[in-house]
Amino acid sequence: MTQLSQEEIAEIKDHFDFFDKDNSGLIDLDEFCQLLKVLAPEASEDNAKRGFETIDVDHNEQIDFDEFLDWWKMNWTVF
């Protein structure tokens, strides 16, 4: 997995916080759908739901920052 600097992690946290509209410290499915519309506009709602379920590794129907960071490192960083 890609090693990130503290600056990169802080930037990713800023993205996470931007889409955490209710400031809960978690991203719910609706917030994730909004995030995915920005990152992958062509993704369908079904794609978003499946992606959300994959990222939500503890299956509590919310994505915490650690889950988000792991997903980001696997999908959005340049190798």
N, C-alpha and C. Protein backbone atom coordinates (compact mmCIF):
# COMPACT_ATOMS: atom_id res chain seq x y z
N MET A 1 0.84 -1.17 0.00
CA MET A 1 0.00 0.00 0.00
C MET A 1 0.89 1.24 0.00
N THR A 2 0.45 2.30 -0.60
CA THR A 2 1.21 3.52 -0.74
C THR A 2 1.39 4.21 0.61
N GLN A 3 2.61 4.63 0.88
CA GLN A 3 2.90 5.39 2.09
C GLN A 3 2.66 6.86 1.81
N LEU A 4 1.90 7.54 2.66
CA LEU A 4 1.57 8.94 2.46
C LEU A 4 2.26 9.79 3.50
N SER A 5 2.58 11.02 3.11
CA SER A 5 3.14 11.97 4.06
C SER A 5 2.02 12.52 4.94
N GLN A 6 2.40 13.15 6.03
CA GLN A 6 1.41 13.77 6.91
C GLN A 6 0.64 14.87 6.18
N GLU A 7 1.30 15.57 5.28
CA GLU A 7 0.63 16.61 4.49
C GLU A 7 -0.42 15.99 3.57
N GLU A 8 -0.09 14.88 2.95
CA GLU A 8 -1.05 14.21 2.07
C GLU A 8 -2.25 13.69 2.86
N ILE A 9 -1.99 13.14 4.04
CA ILE A 9 -3.07 12.65 4.88
C ILE A 9 -3.97 13.81 5.31
N ALA A 10 -3.36 14.94 5.65
CA ALA A 10 -4.14 16.12 6.05
C ALA A 10 -5.02 16.60 4.90
N GLU A 11 -4.49 16.56 3.68
CA GLU A 11 -5.27 16.97 2.51
C GLU A 11 -6.45 16.01 2.28
N ILE A 12 -6.21 14.72 2.43
CA ILE A 12 -7.28 13.73 2.27
C ILE A 12 -8.33 13.94 3.36
N LYS A 13 -7.88 14.25 4.58
CA LYS A 13 -8.82 14.52 5.69
C LYS A 13 -9.68 15.74 5.35
N ASP A 14 -9.10 16.74 4.72
CA ASP A 14 -9.88 17.91 4.30
C ASP A 14 -10.98 17.50 3.32
N HIS A 15 -10.65 16.61 2.38
CA HIS A 15 -11.66 16.11 1.43
C HIS A 15 -12.76 15.35 2.19
N PHE A 16 -12.34 14.49 3.10
CA PHE A 16 -13.29 13.72 3.91
C PHE A 16 -14.23 14.68 4.65
N ASP A 17 -13.66 15.68 5.31
CA ASP A 17 -14.45 16.63 6.09
C ASP A 17 -15.40 17.43 5.21
N PHE A 18 -14.97 17.76 4.00
CA PHE A 18 -15.82 18.52 3.09
C PHE A 18 -17.11 17.74 2.78
N PHE A 19 -16.99 16.45 2.58
CA PHE A 19 -18.17 15.64 2.24
C PHE A 19 -18.93 15.15 3.47
N ASP A 20 -18.36 15.28 4.65
CA ASP A 20 -19.05 14.96 5.90
C ASP A 20 -19.92 16.16 6.26
N LYS A 21 -21.01 16.31 5.55
CA LYS A 21 -21.85 17.51 5.63
C LYS A 21 -22.46 17.74 7.01
N ASP A 22 -22.70 16.68 7.77
CA ASP A 22 -23.30 16.86 9.10
C ASP A 22 -22.24 16.91 10.21
N ASN A 23 -20.97 16.94 9.81
CA ASN A 23 -19.85 17.03 10.76
C ASN A 23 -19.88 15.95 11.83
N SER A 24 -20.29 14.75 11.44
CA SER A 24 -20.38 13.63 12.38
C SER A 24 -19.05 12.90 12.54
N GLY A 25 -18.10 13.19 11.65
CA GLY A 25 -16.85 12.43 11.65
C GLY A 25 -16.99 11.13 10.87
N LEU A 26 -18.13 10.97 10.20
CA LEU A 26 -18.43 9.77 9.42
C LEU A 26 -19.09 10.19 8.11
N ILE A 27 -18.93 9.37 7.10
CA ILE A 27 -19.62 9.60 5.82
C ILE A 27 -20.69 8.54 5.67
N ASP A 28 -21.92 9.00 5.52
CA ASP A 28 -23.03 8.06 5.30
C ASP A 28 -23.22 7.86 3.79
N LEU A 29 -24.16 7.04 3.44
CA LEU A 29 -24.36 6.70 2.02
C LEU A 29 -24.69 7.93 1.19
N ASP A 30 -25.55 8.81 1.66
CA ASP A 30 -25.89 10.01 0.90
C ASP A 30 -24.67 10.89 0.67
N GLU A 31 -23.86 11.07 1.71
CA GLU A 31 -22.65 11.87 1.58
C GLU A 31 -21.67 11.21 0.61
N PHE A 32 -21.57 9.88 0.67
CA PHE A 32 -20.68 9.17 -0.23
C PHE A 32 -21.15 9.32 -1.68
N CYS A 33 -22.45 9.28 -1.91
CA CYS A 33 -22.97 9.46 -3.27
C CYS A 33 -22.58 10.83 -3.82
N GLN A 34 -22.62 11.86 -2.97
CA GLN A 34 -22.21 13.20 -3.38
C GLN A 34 -20.71 13.23 -3.70
N LEU A 35 -19.92 12.57 -2.87
CA LEU A 35 -18.49 12.49 -3.10
C LEU A 35 -18.19 11.79 -4.42
N LEU A 36 -18.86 10.70 -4.67
CA LEU A 36 -18.60 9.93 -5.88
C LEU A 36 -19.03 10.69 -7.14
N LYS A 37 -20.05 11.53 -7.03
CA LYS A 37 -20.46 12.36 -8.18
C LYS A 37 -19.33 13.28 -8.61
N VAL A 38 -18.52 13.70 -7.65
CA VAL A 38 -17.38 14.57 -7.96
C VAL A 38 -16.22 13.75 -8.52
N LEU A 39 -15.89 12.63 -7.86
CA LEU A 39 -14.73 11.83 -8.26
C LEU A 39 -14.97 11.01 -9.52
N ALA A 40 -16.18 10.51 -9.68
CA ALA A 40 -16.51 9.63 -10.81
C ALA A 40 -17.93 9.95 -11.28
N PRO A 41 -18.11 11.05 -12.01
CA PRO A 41 -19.45 11.49 -12.40
C PRO A 41 -20.26 10.44 -13.17
N GLU A 42 -19.57 9.53 -13.82
CA GLU A 42 -20.26 8.52 -14.63
C GLU A 42 -20.78 7.34 -13.79
N ALA A 43 -20.40 7.29 -12.51
CA ALA A 43 -20.81 6.18 -11.65
C ALA A 43 -22.31 6.24 -11.37
N SER A 44 -22.93 5.09 -11.40
CA SER A 44 -24.37 5.00 -11.14
C SER A 44 -24.62 4.94 -9.63
N GLU A 45 -25.87 5.10 -9.25
CA GLU A 45 -26.24 4.99 -7.83
C GLU A 45 -25.93 3.58 -7.32
N ASP A 46 -26.15 2.58 -8.17
CA ASP A 46 -25.84 1.21 -7.78
C ASP A 46 -24.34 1.04 -7.55
N ASN A 47 -23.52 1.66 -8.42
CA ASN A 47 -22.06 1.63 -8.21
C ASN A 47 -21.69 2.26 -6.88
N ALA A 48 -22.34 3.37 -6.57
CA ALA A 48 -22.06 4.06 -5.31
C ALA A 48 -22.41 3.17 -4.12
N LYS A 49 -23.55 2.53 -4.16
CA LYS A 49 -23.96 1.65 -3.05
C LYS A 49 -22.99 0.49 -2.87
N ARG A 50 -22.59 -0.13 -3.98
CA ARG A 50 -21.64 -1.24 -3.88
C ARG A 50 -20.29 -0.76 -3.37
N GLY A 51 -19.85 0.39 -3.86
CA GLY A 51 -18.59 0.95 -3.39
C GLY A 51 -18.63 1.27 -1.91
N PHE A 52 -19.73 1.86 -1.48
CA PHE A 52 -19.91 2.19 -0.07
C PHE A 52 -19.81 0.93 0.80
N GLU A 53 -20.50 -0.11 0.38
CA GLU A 53 -20.48 -1.37 1.13
C GLU A 53 -19.08 -1.97 1.19
N THR A 54 -18.31 -1.80 0.13
CA THR A 54 -16.93 -2.30 0.11
C THR A 54 -16.03 -1.52 1.05
N ILE A 55 -16.18 -0.21 1.07
CA ILE A 55 -15.34 0.65 1.91
C ILE A 55 -15.70 0.50 3.38
N ASP A 56 -16.97 0.30 3.67
CA ASP A 56 -17.46 0.18 5.04
C ASP A 56 -17.13 -1.21 5.58
N VAL A 57 -15.86 -1.42 5.90
CA VAL A 57 -15.40 -2.77 6.25
C VAL A 57 -15.99 -3.30 7.56
N ASP A 58 -16.40 -2.41 8.46
CA ASP A 58 -17.01 -2.89 9.71
C ASP A 58 -18.53 -2.98 9.60
N HIS A 59 -19.07 -2.65 8.44
CA HIS A 59 -20.49 -2.81 8.11
C HIS A 59 -21.42 -2.11 9.10
N ASN A 60 -21.02 -0.89 9.54
CA ASN A 60 -21.87 -0.12 10.44
C ASN A 60 -22.67 0.95 9.69
N GLU A 61 -22.65 0.86 8.36
CA GLU A 61 -23.39 1.76 7.46
C GLU A 61 -22.86 3.19 7.51
N GLN A 62 -21.60 3.34 7.88
CA GLN A 62 -20.92 4.62 7.87
C GLN A 62 -19.45 4.37 7.57
N ILE A 63 -18.84 5.33 6.91
CA ILE A 63 -17.42 5.24 6.60
C ILE A 63 -16.67 6.19 7.53
N ASP A 64 -15.76 5.63 8.34
CA ASP A 64 -14.94 6.50 9.18
C ASP A 64 -13.69 6.89 8.39
N PHE A 65 -12.89 7.79 8.97
CA PHE A 65 -11.74 8.28 8.22
C PHE A 65 -10.73 7.19 7.90
N ASP A 66 -10.51 6.26 8.81
CA ASP A 66 -9.54 5.19 8.53
C ASP A 66 -9.98 4.34 7.34
N GLU A 67 -11.26 4.02 7.27
CA GLU A 67 -11.78 3.25 6.13
C GLU A 67 -11.62 4.07 4.84
N PHE A 68 -11.94 5.36 4.94
CA PHE A 68 -11.82 6.26 3.79
C PHE A 68 -10.38 6.36 3.32
N LEU A 69 -9.46 6.51 4.26
CA LEU A 69 -8.05 6.65 3.93
C LEU A 69 -7.52 5.38 3.25
N ASP A 70 -7.88 4.22 3.77
CA ASP A 70 -7.46 2.97 3.14
C ASP A 70 -7.96 2.88 1.71
N TRP A 71 -9.22 3.25 1.50
CA TRP A 71 -9.81 3.24 0.16
C TRP A 71 -9.10 4.24 -0.75
N TRP A 72 -8.86 5.43 -0.23
CA TRP A 72 -8.21 6.48 -1.02
C TRP A 72 -6.83 6.03 -1.47
N LYS A 73 -6.07 5.44 -0.54
CA LYS A 73 -4.72 5.00 -0.88
C LYS A 73 -4.74 3.92 -1.96
N MET A 74 -5.73 3.07 -1.94
CA MET A 74 -5.80 1.99 -2.91
C MET A 74 -6.31 2.45 -4.27
N ASN A 75 -7.06 3.55 -4.32
CA ASN A 75 -7.75 3.92 -5.56
C ASN A 75 -7.38 5.27 -6.15
N TRP A 76 -6.87 6.19 -5.36
CA TRP A 76 -6.72 7.54 -5.87
C TRP A 76 -5.30 8.09 -5.78
N THR A 77 -4.37 7.35 -5.22
CA THR A 77 -3.00 7.85 -5.18
C THR A 77 -2.25 7.38 -6.41
N VAL A 78 -1.27 8.13 -6.79
CA VAL A 78 -0.44 7.77 -7.93
C VAL A 78 0.67 6.83 -7.45
N PHE A 79 0.80 5.70 -8.13
CA PHE A 79 1.82 4.72 -7.74
C PHE A 79 3.12 5.00 -8.44
